Every structure is written in structure tokens, then in C-alpha cells.
């Protein structure tokens, strides 16, 4: 079937993978919010984050990722306070060097849209939408997407079928006419292919063993860099055109 929409994972796909000290990132928050117990608070937040990721993975996305605000409240943080907003900004800013969009993204997205192919982002994340959108706008790609779904706003997460079908529905394209591009075989490729999408795998992320599993998953295609997605989609659509002309 013809590919009429391409949906992208964010971290590790639209942005290259980075090995990051997660506790260090939480220290950026804790040093602002509670400098007198920064180490303790950072460790508490780090544990809370990892517990949520583990639960999301163990339930195959059925329980979702949740949002940072809920985790902060569980840790006794006053999320309405000015100091929290300052600390949150410090935390998110600490991630800035690792959030830049892949250099292949703009030409790829512009070409896909020029071909009449819709584009979207589906990201498992606890971060707020406003931050993701500001990052995409900073890098000049926000306007190149037709739809964005962040699981900080949903009750389920990849690989649960509901988030994939949500995106295809809002694009107005049936899953069988969608391709999904991601770096995780379980969350991204397995989840997408379970609803009928074609999975395109970018295998360069150092995914923790606790967030990975071997289900004998075979992607429809594997690419070594983001820009090669165009070649794969073009080849599929050309093949479809040839098949229809032979009928």
C-alpha cells in the first residue's frame, strides 16, 4: 500500500542518541529547588523517573509514562511555587545540548511534505508539550509536522496500539498507509507494526537493557541515518505505482 504519512519518534530518532548522566540532570533541578538537600532530592527524582519508565515498559505502554508534574507532587514538591518553575527551567535547560534536531530532518520533512506525505511526531515522554514544541520551533521544524502526540498527555504510551491509532486517526490516514520511524524495536517498531504500519528502524541508540526486549521483531526497513527514510518511502511508493500499473 502507498505510504501517505510518516510518523517519527523524537529522542534517538529526530534527535541523535546521547548517553546522559540522568542523576546529573536532576541535580540541575535540585540545586535550585532545595540546595540544602540537593543530592537527596536528585536521587529521589531520578528513582521516581526510572520507576515510571520501568512500569511503562513492563505493562507494554498500557499505563503510560505519566507527566513530570505528577512525579514532582509524589516527591512532595510544591508545583505551584515560583521556585519550582525556576528549578524546572534549570532541569530542562540542562538537556538543551542533547535535544538538537538531526541535520537530515529539515530536508527530509520538506521533501516528504512536497510529495504530499503527511508527517507527525509520537514521543514517549514525561516532558510538557510546551517544551517539546519550543525545542522543535527553535530548530525550525515545528511547522513541518501535521500532528504531535506526547504521552505526557495520554493514559497509554508506545507500544500500546492506542497511541499509534490516535496519530493515524488525527492525520486522516489509515495505519496501513503509515510508516513509523524509530530507534526502539519494542516501543517503536513492534508497536507500529502491530497496528499495520510499516516500521523503519534506526539502530544507533544505546537503549538500556531494562527498556529493551527481544521479541524476534523484524522491521520493514532499516536505515543508518535519518535522511535515508526518504529513499525507503520513495521505493515503497514507486513499487506500489508499478504494481497498480500492472493490473
C-alpha atoms as a PDB file:
ATOM      1  CA  UNK A   1       0.000   0.000   0.000  1.00  0.00           C
ATOM      2  CA  UNK A   2       1.077   3.567  -0.672  1.00  0.00           C
ATOM      3  CA  UNK A   3       2.708   5.490   2.210  1.00  0.00           C
ATOM      4  CA  UNK A   4       0.671   8.644   2.820  1.00  0.00           C
ATOM      5  CA  UNK A   5       2.084   9.576   6.245  1.00  0.00           C
ATOM      6  CA  UNK A   6       5.403   9.190   8.036  1.00  0.00           C
ATOM      7  CA  UNK A   7       5.387   9.336  11.832  1.00  0.00           C
ATOM      8  CA  UNK A   8       8.574   9.918  13.799  1.00  0.00           C
ATOM      9  CA  UNK A   9       9.748   9.085  17.291  1.00  0.00           C
ATOM     10  CA  UNK A  10      11.584  12.025  18.861  1.00  0.00           C
ATOM     11  CA  UNK A  11      14.530  11.136  21.152  1.00  0.00           C
ATOM     12  CA  UNK A  12      17.074   8.939  19.383  1.00  0.00           C
ATOM     13  CA  UNK A  13      15.303   9.410  16.053  1.00  0.00           C
ATOM     14  CA  UNK A  14      14.612  13.046  15.206  1.00  0.00           C
ATOM     15  CA  UNK A  15      17.374  13.844  17.686  1.00  0.00           C
ATOM     16  CA  UNK A  16      20.533  11.700  17.712  1.00  0.00           C
ATOM     17  CA  UNK A  17      21.036   9.462  20.754  1.00  0.00           C
ATOM     18  CA  UNK A  18      23.182  10.803  23.624  1.00  0.00           C
ATOM     19  CA  UNK A  19      24.469   8.901  26.635  1.00  0.00           C
ATOM     20  CA  UNK A  20      23.472  11.134  29.549  1.00  0.00           C
ATOM     21  CA  UNK A  21      24.019  11.080  33.316  1.00  0.00           C
ATOM     22  CA  UNK A  22      20.356  11.309  34.356  1.00  0.00           C
ATOM     23  CA  UNK A  23      21.118  11.959  38.013  1.00  0.00           C
ATOM     24  CA  UNK A  24      23.248  14.923  36.960  1.00  0.00           C
ATOM     25  CA  UNK A  25      20.264  16.338  35.081  1.00  0.00           C
ATOM     26  CA  UNK A  26      18.146  16.083  38.225  1.00  0.00           C
ATOM     27  CA  UNK A  27      20.837  17.848  40.205  1.00  0.00           C
ATOM     28  CA  UNK A  28      20.218  20.854  37.956  1.00  0.00           C
ATOM     29  CA  UNK A  29      16.663  20.882  39.325  1.00  0.00           C
ATOM     30  CA  UNK A  30      17.513  20.054  42.919  1.00  0.00           C
ATOM     31  CA  UNK A  31      20.272  22.676  43.309  1.00  0.00           C
ATOM     32  CA  UNK A  32      17.653  25.342  42.570  1.00  0.00           C
ATOM     33  CA  UNK A  33      14.653  23.900  44.433  1.00  0.00           C
ATOM     34  CA  UNK A  34      16.385  22.605  47.585  1.00  0.00           C
ATOM     35  CA  UNK A  35      20.112  23.450  47.596  1.00  0.00           C
ATOM     36  CA  UNK A  36      20.470  22.251  51.189  1.00  0.00           C
ATOM     37  CA  UNK A  37      19.455  18.692  50.208  1.00  0.00           C
ATOM     38  CA  UNK A  38      20.159  18.672  46.507  1.00  0.00           C
ATOM     39  CA  UNK A  39      21.821  15.250  46.384  1.00  0.00           C
ATOM     40  CA  UNK A  40      18.959  13.591  48.258  1.00  0.00           C
ATOM     41  CA  UNK A  41      16.247  15.228  46.146  1.00  0.00           C
ATOM     42  CA  UNK A  42      18.035  14.497  42.868  1.00  0.00           C
ATOM     43  CA  UNK A  43      18.323  10.818  43.813  1.00  0.00           C
ATOM     44  CA  UNK A  44      14.625  10.736  44.747  1.00  0.00           C
ATOM     45  CA  UNK A  45      13.583  12.298  41.428  1.00  0.00           C
ATOM     46  CA  UNK A  46      15.890  10.035  39.452  1.00  0.00           C
ATOM     47  CA  UNK A  47      14.428   6.971  41.158  1.00  0.00           C
ATOM     48  CA  UNK A  48      10.893   8.192  40.556  1.00  0.00           C
ATOM     49  CA  UNK A  49      11.586   8.752  36.869  1.00  0.00           C
ATOM     50  CA  UNK A  50      13.190   5.350  36.356  1.00  0.00           C
ATOM     51  CA  UNK A  51      10.354   3.617  38.220  1.00  0.00           C
ATOM     52  CA  UNK A  52       7.843   5.200  35.856  1.00  0.00           C
ATOM     53  CA  UNK A  53       9.803   4.162  32.770  1.00  0.00           C
ATOM     54  CA  UNK A  54      10.129   0.620  34.107  1.00  0.00           C
ATOM     55  CA  UNK A  55       6.395   0.405  34.842  1.00  0.00           C
ATOM     56  CA  UNK A  56       5.542   1.738  31.387  1.00  0.00           C
ATOM     57  CA  UNK A  57       7.812  -0.850  29.798  1.00  0.00           C
ATOM     58  CA  UNK A  58       6.562  -3.750  31.938  1.00  0.00           C
ATOM     59  CA  UNK A  59       2.934  -3.006  31.020  1.00  0.00           C
ATOM     60  CA  UNK A  60       3.734  -2.580  27.297  1.00  0.00           C
ATOM     61  CA  UNK A  61       2.612   1.021  27.446  1.00  0.00           C
ATOM     62  CA  UNK A  62      -0.835   0.329  28.866  1.00  0.00           C
ATOM     63  CA  UNK A  63      -0.224   2.522  31.919  1.00  0.00           C
ATOM     64  CA  UNK A  64       1.585   5.288  30.036  1.00  0.00           C
ATOM     65  CA  UNK A  65       4.543   7.406  31.071  1.00  0.00           C
ATOM     66  CA  UNK A  66       2.743   9.983  33.163  1.00  0.00           C
ATOM     67  CA  UNK A  67       3.867  13.595  33.398  1.00  0.00           C
ATOM     68  CA  UNK A  68       6.654  15.243  35.342  1.00  0.00           C
ATOM     69  CA  UNK A  69       4.169  17.293  37.368  1.00  0.00           C
ATOM     70  CA  UNK A  70       2.625  14.143  38.863  1.00  0.00           C
ATOM     71  CA  UNK A  71       6.062  12.791  39.758  1.00  0.00           C
ATOM     72  CA  UNK A  72       7.066  16.077  41.393  1.00  0.00           C
ATOM     73  CA  UNK A  73       3.919  16.026  43.516  1.00  0.00           C
ATOM     74  CA  UNK A  74       4.639  12.436  44.589  1.00  0.00           C
ATOM     75  CA  UNK A  75       8.023  13.689  45.805  1.00  0.00           C
ATOM     76  CA  UNK A  76       6.372  16.387  47.931  1.00  0.00           C
ATOM     77  CA  UNK A  77       7.281  19.276  45.642  1.00  0.00           C
ATOM     78  CA  UNK A  78       5.042  22.338  45.512  1.00  0.00           C
ATOM     79  CA  UNK A  79       4.427  22.538  41.757  1.00  0.00           C
ATOM     80  CA  UNK A  80       2.641  25.876  42.112  1.00  0.00           C
ATOM     81  CA  UNK A  81       5.649  27.649  43.620  1.00  0.00           C
ATOM     82  CA  UNK A  82       7.870  30.095  41.750  1.00  0.00           C
ATOM     83  CA  UNK A  83      10.984  28.204  42.847  1.00  0.00           C
ATOM     84  CA  UNK A  84       9.640  25.030  41.211  1.00  0.00           C
ATOM     85  CA  UNK A  85       9.245  26.792  37.873  1.00  0.00           C
ATOM     86  CA  UNK A  86      12.789  28.135  38.160  1.00  0.00           C
ATOM     87  CA  UNK A  87      14.089  24.657  39.009  1.00  0.00           C
ATOM     88  CA  UNK A  88      12.122  23.034  36.189  1.00  0.00           C
ATOM     89  CA  UNK A  89      13.570  25.533  33.724  1.00  0.00           C
ATOM     90  CA  UNK A  90      17.056  24.703  35.019  1.00  0.00           C
ATOM     91  CA  UNK A  91      16.389  20.980  34.534  1.00  0.00           C
ATOM     92  CA  UNK A  92      15.034  21.327  31.010  1.00  0.00           C
ATOM     93  CA  UNK A  93      17.784  23.766  30.026  1.00  0.00           C
ATOM     94  CA  UNK A  94      20.390  21.228  31.165  1.00  0.00           C
ATOM     95  CA  UNK A  95      19.057  18.959  28.414  1.00  0.00           C
ATOM     96  CA  UNK A  96      19.453  21.567  25.668  1.00  0.00           C
ATOM     97  CA  UNK A  97      22.755  20.259  24.246  1.00  0.00           C
ATOM     98  CA  UNK A  98      21.121  16.842  23.726  1.00  0.00           C
ATOM     99  CA  UNK A  99      17.888  17.980  22.087  1.00  0.00           C
ATOM    100  CA  UNK A 100      19.055  19.414  18.769  1.00  0.00           C
ATOM    101  CA  UNK A 101      17.262  18.024  15.745  1.00  0.00           C
ATOM    102  CA  UNK A 102      19.201  15.810  13.327  1.00  0.00           C
ATOM    103  CA  UNK A 103      20.614  17.772  10.388  1.00  0.00           C
ATOM    104  CA  UNK A 104      18.778  15.455   7.989  1.00  0.00           C
ATOM    105  CA  UNK A 105      15.375  16.379   9.411  1.00  0.00           C
ATOM    106  CA  UNK A 106      14.580  19.637   7.603  1.00  0.00           C
ATOM    107  CA  UNK A 107      15.353  18.457   4.044  1.00  0.00           C
ATOM    108  CA  UNK A 108      13.619  15.116   4.738  1.00  0.00           C
ATOM    109  CA  UNK A 109      10.474  16.695   6.154  1.00  0.00           C
ATOM    110  CA  UNK A 110      10.247  19.331   3.434  1.00  0.00           C
ATOM    111  CA  UNK A 111      10.632  16.717   0.714  1.00  0.00           C
ATOM    112  CA  UNK A 112       8.017  14.416   2.239  1.00  0.00           C
ATOM    113  CA  UNK A 113       5.524  17.257   2.509  1.00  0.00           C
ATOM    114  CA  UNK A 114       6.330  18.294  -1.051  1.00  0.00           C
ATOM    115  CA  UNK A 115       5.358  14.764  -2.092  1.00  0.00           C
ATOM    116  CA  UNK A 116       2.001  15.180  -0.352  1.00  0.00           C
ATOM    117  CA  UNK A 117       3.004  12.898   2.524  1.00  0.00           C
ATOM    118  CA  UNK A 118       1.827  13.957   5.987  1.00  0.00           C
ATOM    119  CA  UNK A 119       4.230  13.958   8.931  1.00  0.00           C
ATOM    120  CA  UNK A 120       3.822  13.608  12.689  1.00  0.00           C
ATOM    121  CA  UNK A 121       5.682  13.050  15.957  1.00  0.00           C
ATOM    122  CA  UNK A 122       4.769  10.383  18.508  1.00  0.00           C
ATOM    123  CA  UNK A 123       7.020  10.526  21.556  1.00  0.00           C
ATOM    124  CA  UNK A 124       7.064   8.630  24.841  1.00  0.00           C
ATOM    125  CA  UNK A 125       7.868  11.463  27.216  1.00  0.00           C
ATOM    126  CA  UNK A 126       7.151  12.947  30.627  1.00  0.00           C
ATOM    127  CA  UNK A 127       8.061  16.439  29.476  1.00  0.00           C
ATOM    128  CA  UNK A 128       5.325  19.030  28.869  1.00  0.00           C
ATOM    129  CA  UNK A 129       4.131  19.719  25.326  1.00  0.00           C
ATOM    130  CA  UNK A 130       5.162  23.371  25.547  1.00  0.00           C
ATOM    131  CA  UNK A 131       8.816  22.400  25.992  1.00  0.00           C
ATOM    132  CA  UNK A 132       8.834  19.915  23.130  1.00  0.00           C
ATOM    133  CA  UNK A 133       7.195  22.472  20.870  1.00  0.00           C
ATOM    134  CA  UNK A 134       9.698  25.153  21.862  1.00  0.00           C
ATOM    135  CA  UNK A 135      12.571  22.791  21.013  1.00  0.00           C
ATOM    136  CA  UNK A 136      11.081  21.930  17.622  1.00  0.00           C
ATOM    137  CA  UNK A 137      10.409  25.615  16.937  1.00  0.00           C
ATOM    138  CA  UNK A 138      13.980  26.522  17.942  1.00  0.00           C
ATOM    139  CA  UNK A 139      15.268  24.086  15.334  1.00  0.00           C
ATOM    140  CA  UNK A 140      12.904  25.297  12.605  1.00  0.00           C
ATOM    141  CA  UNK A 141      10.878  22.086  12.244  1.00  0.00           C
ATOM    142  CA  UNK A 142       7.704  22.628  14.276  1.00  0.00           C
ATOM    143  CA  UNK A 143       5.744  23.898  11.273  1.00  0.00           C
ATOM    144  CA  UNK A 144       6.739  20.840   9.233  1.00  0.00           C
ATOM    145  CA  UNK A 145       4.539  18.466  11.241  1.00  0.00           C
ATOM    146  CA  UNK A 146       0.816  17.933  10.814  1.00  0.00           C
ATOM    147  CA  UNK A 147       0.285  16.409  14.259  1.00  0.00           C
ATOM    148  CA  UNK A 148       2.182  15.951  17.519  1.00  0.00           C
ATOM    149  CA  UNK A 149       1.369  13.425  20.259  1.00  0.00           C
ATOM    150  CA  UNK A 150       3.291  13.402  23.533  1.00  0.00           C
ATOM    151  CA  UNK A 151       2.492  10.674  26.033  1.00  0.00           C
ATOM    152  CA  UNK A 152       2.806  13.083  28.959  1.00  0.00           C
ATOM    153  CA  UNK A 153      -0.768  13.926  27.899  1.00  0.00           C
ATOM    154  CA  UNK A 154      -2.151  10.407  27.356  1.00  0.00           C
ATOM    155  CA  UNK A 155      -3.115   7.453  29.547  1.00  0.00           C
ATOM    156  CA  UNK A 156      -1.067   4.991  27.471  1.00  0.00           C
ATOM    157  CA  UNK A 157       2.247   5.023  25.636  1.00  0.00           C
ATOM    158  CA  UNK A 158       4.175   3.177  22.938  1.00  0.00           C
ATOM    159  CA  UNK A 159       3.997   0.279  22.173  1.00  0.00           C
ATOM    160  CA  UNK A 160       0.283   0.361  23.109  1.00  0.00           C
ATOM    161  CA  UNK A 161      -1.793   0.390  19.947  1.00  0.00           C
ATOM    162  CA  UNK A 162      -3.981   3.292  21.115  1.00  0.00           C
ATOM    163  CA  UNK A 163      -1.296   5.949  20.663  1.00  0.00           C
ATOM    164  CA  UNK A 164      -0.440   4.768  17.156  1.00  0.00           C
ATOM    165  CA  UNK A 165      -4.069   4.714  16.087  1.00  0.00           C
ATOM    166  CA  UNK A 166      -4.574   8.145  17.682  1.00  0.00           C
ATOM    167  CA  UNK A 167      -1.918   9.611  15.396  1.00  0.00           C
ATOM    168  CA  UNK A 168      -3.165   7.906  12.243  1.00  0.00           C
ATOM    169  CA  UNK A 169      -6.741   8.995  13.018  1.00  0.00           C
ATOM    170  CA  UNK A 170      -5.728  12.622  13.500  1.00  0.00           C
ATOM    171  CA  UNK A 171      -3.714  12.541  10.291  1.00  0.00           C
ATOM    172  CA  UNK A 172      -6.703  11.114   8.442  1.00  0.00           C
ATOM    173  CA  UNK A 173      -4.601   8.195   7.196  1.00  0.00           C
ATOM    174  CA  UNK A 174      -5.278   4.522   7.927  1.00  0.00           C
ATOM    175  CA  UNK A 175      -2.398   2.750   9.729  1.00  0.00           C
ATOM    176  CA  UNK A 176      -1.673   0.562   6.679  1.00  0.00           C
ATOM    177  CA  UNK A 177      -0.736   3.723   4.776  1.00  0.00           C
ATOM    178  CA  UNK A 178       1.615   4.970   7.514  1.00  0.00           C
ATOM    179  CA  UNK A 179       5.313   4.398   8.140  1.00  0.00           C
ATOM    180  CA  UNK A 180       6.752   4.803  11.629  1.00  0.00           C
ATOM    181  CA  UNK A 181      10.403   5.740  12.140  1.00  0.00           C
ATOM    182  CA  UNK A 182      12.027   4.916  15.469  1.00  0.00           C
ATOM    183  CA  UNK A 183      15.120   3.701  17.284  1.00  0.00           C
ATOM    184  CA  UNK A 184      13.471   1.170  19.621  1.00  0.00           C
ATOM    185  CA  UNK A 185      12.460  -2.227  18.294  1.00  0.00           C
ATOM    186  CA  UNK A 186       9.870  -2.872  21.021  1.00  0.00           C
ATOM    187  CA  UNK A 187       8.262   0.513  21.657  1.00  0.00           C
ATOM    188  CA  UNK A 188       8.511   1.869  18.118  1.00  0.00           C
ATOM    189  CA  UNK A 189       8.757  -0.898  15.535  1.00  0.00           C
ATOM    190  CA  UNK A 190       6.757  -3.623  17.268  1.00  0.00           C
ATOM    191  CA  UNK A 191       4.080  -1.158  18.359  1.00  0.00           C
ATOM    192  CA  UNK A 192       3.709   0.373  14.913  1.00  0.00           C
ATOM    193  CA  UNK A 193       3.668  -2.928  13.060  1.00  0.00           C
ATOM    194  CA  UNK A 194       1.067  -4.366  15.433  1.00  0.00           C
ATOM    195  CA  UNK A 195      -1.466  -1.841  14.081  1.00  0.00           C
ATOM    196  CA  UNK A 196      -0.447  -2.329  10.441  1.00  0.00           C
ATOM    197  CA  UNK A 197       2.125   0.421   9.972  1.00  0.00           C
ATOM    198  CA  UNK A 198       5.478  -0.198   8.306  1.00  0.00           C
ATOM    199  CA  UNK A 199       8.336   0.147  10.780  1.00  0.00           C
ATOM    200  CA  UNK A 200      11.597   1.838   9.792  1.00  0.00           C
ATOM    201  CA  UNK A 201      14.323   1.219  12.353  1.00  0.00           C
ATOM    202  CA  UNK A 202      17.348   3.446  13.051  1.00  0.00           C
ATOM    203  CA  UNK A 203      19.584   1.124  15.134  1.00  0.00           C
ATOM    204  CA  UNK A 204      22.061   3.529  16.729  1.00  0.00           C
ATOM    205  CA  UNK A 205      20.663   4.170  20.222  1.00  0.00           C
ATOM    206  CA  UNK A 206      22.263   2.706  23.332  1.00  0.00           C
ATOM    207  CA  UNK A 207      18.957   1.640  24.874  1.00  0.00           C
ATOM    208  CA  UNK A 208      19.193   0.362  28.480  1.00  0.00           C
ATOM    209  CA  UNK A 209      18.555  -3.365  28.873  1.00  0.00           C
ATOM    210  CA  UNK A 210      15.707  -2.555  31.270  1.00  0.00           C
ATOM    211  CA  UNK A 211      13.920  -0.768  28.402  1.00  0.00           C
ATOM    212  CA  UNK A 212      14.586  -3.349  25.695  1.00  0.00           C
ATOM    213  CA  UNK A 213      13.366  -6.809  24.821  1.00  0.00           C
ATOM    214  CA  UNK A 214      13.887  -9.359  22.056  1.00  0.00           C
ATOM    215  CA  UNK A 215      10.602 -10.414  20.528  1.00  0.00           C
ATOM    216  CA  UNK A 216      12.075 -11.514  17.225  1.00  0.00           C
ATOM    217  CA  UNK A 217      10.954  -8.190  15.767  1.00  0.00           C
ATOM    218  CA  UNK A 218      11.782  -7.641  12.095  1.00  0.00           C
ATOM    219  CA  UNK A 219      11.361  -4.077  10.849  1.00  0.00           C
ATOM    220  CA  UNK A 220      10.023  -3.465   7.360  1.00  0.00           C
ATOM    221  CA  UNK A 221      13.222  -1.490   6.701  1.00  0.00           C
ATOM    222  CA  UNK A 222      16.431  -0.483   8.487  1.00  0.00           C
ATOM    223  CA  UNK A 223      18.292   2.769   7.770  1.00  0.00           C
ATOM    224  CA  UNK A 224      21.635   4.014   9.006  1.00  0.00           C
ATOM    225  CA  UNK A 225      20.687   7.689   9.119  1.00  0.00           C
ATOM    226  CA  UNK A 226      17.506   9.730   9.205  1.00  0.00           C
ATOM    227  CA  UNK A 227      17.816  11.035   5.646  1.00  0.00           C
ATOM    228  CA  UNK A 228      17.637   7.509   4.231  1.00  0.00           C
ATOM    229  CA  UNK A 229      13.978   7.320   5.248  1.00  0.00           C
ATOM    230  CA  UNK A 230      13.169   9.209   2.040  1.00  0.00           C
ATOM    231  CA  UNK A 231      14.766   6.506  -0.117  1.00  0.00           C
ATOM    232  CA  UNK A 232      12.766   3.782   1.649  1.00  0.00           C
ATOM    233  CA  UNK A 233       9.415   5.574   1.393  1.00  0.00           C
ATOM    234  CA  UNK A 234      10.035   6.574  -2.227  1.00  0.00           C
ATOM    235  CA  UNK A 235      10.909   2.985  -3.128  1.00  0.00           C
ATOM    236  CA  UNK A 236       7.760   1.647  -1.457  1.00  0.00           C
ATOM    237  CA  UNK A 237       5.564   4.174  -3.226  1.00  0.00           C
ATOM    238  CA  UNK A 238       7.248   3.552  -6.572  1.00  0.00           C
ATOM    239  CA  UNK A 239       6.725  -0.191  -6.140  1.00  0.00           C
ATOM    240  CA  UNK A 240       3.073   0.426  -5.353  1.00  0.00           C
ATOM    241  CA  UNK A 241       2.715   2.524  -8.509  1.00  0.00           C
ATOM    242  CA  UNK A 242       4.317  -0.224 -10.604  1.00  0.00           C
ATOM    243  CA  UNK A 243       2.041  -2.859  -9.064  1.00  0.00           C
ATOM    244  CA  UNK A 244      -1.048  -0.800  -9.837  1.00  0.00           C
ATOM    245  CA  UNK A 245       0.081  -0.183 -13.430  1.00  0.00           C
ATOM    246  CA  UNK A 246       0.468  -3.947 -13.970  1.00  0.00           C
ATOM    247  CA  UNK A 247      -3.139  -4.648 -13.016  1.00  0.00           C
END
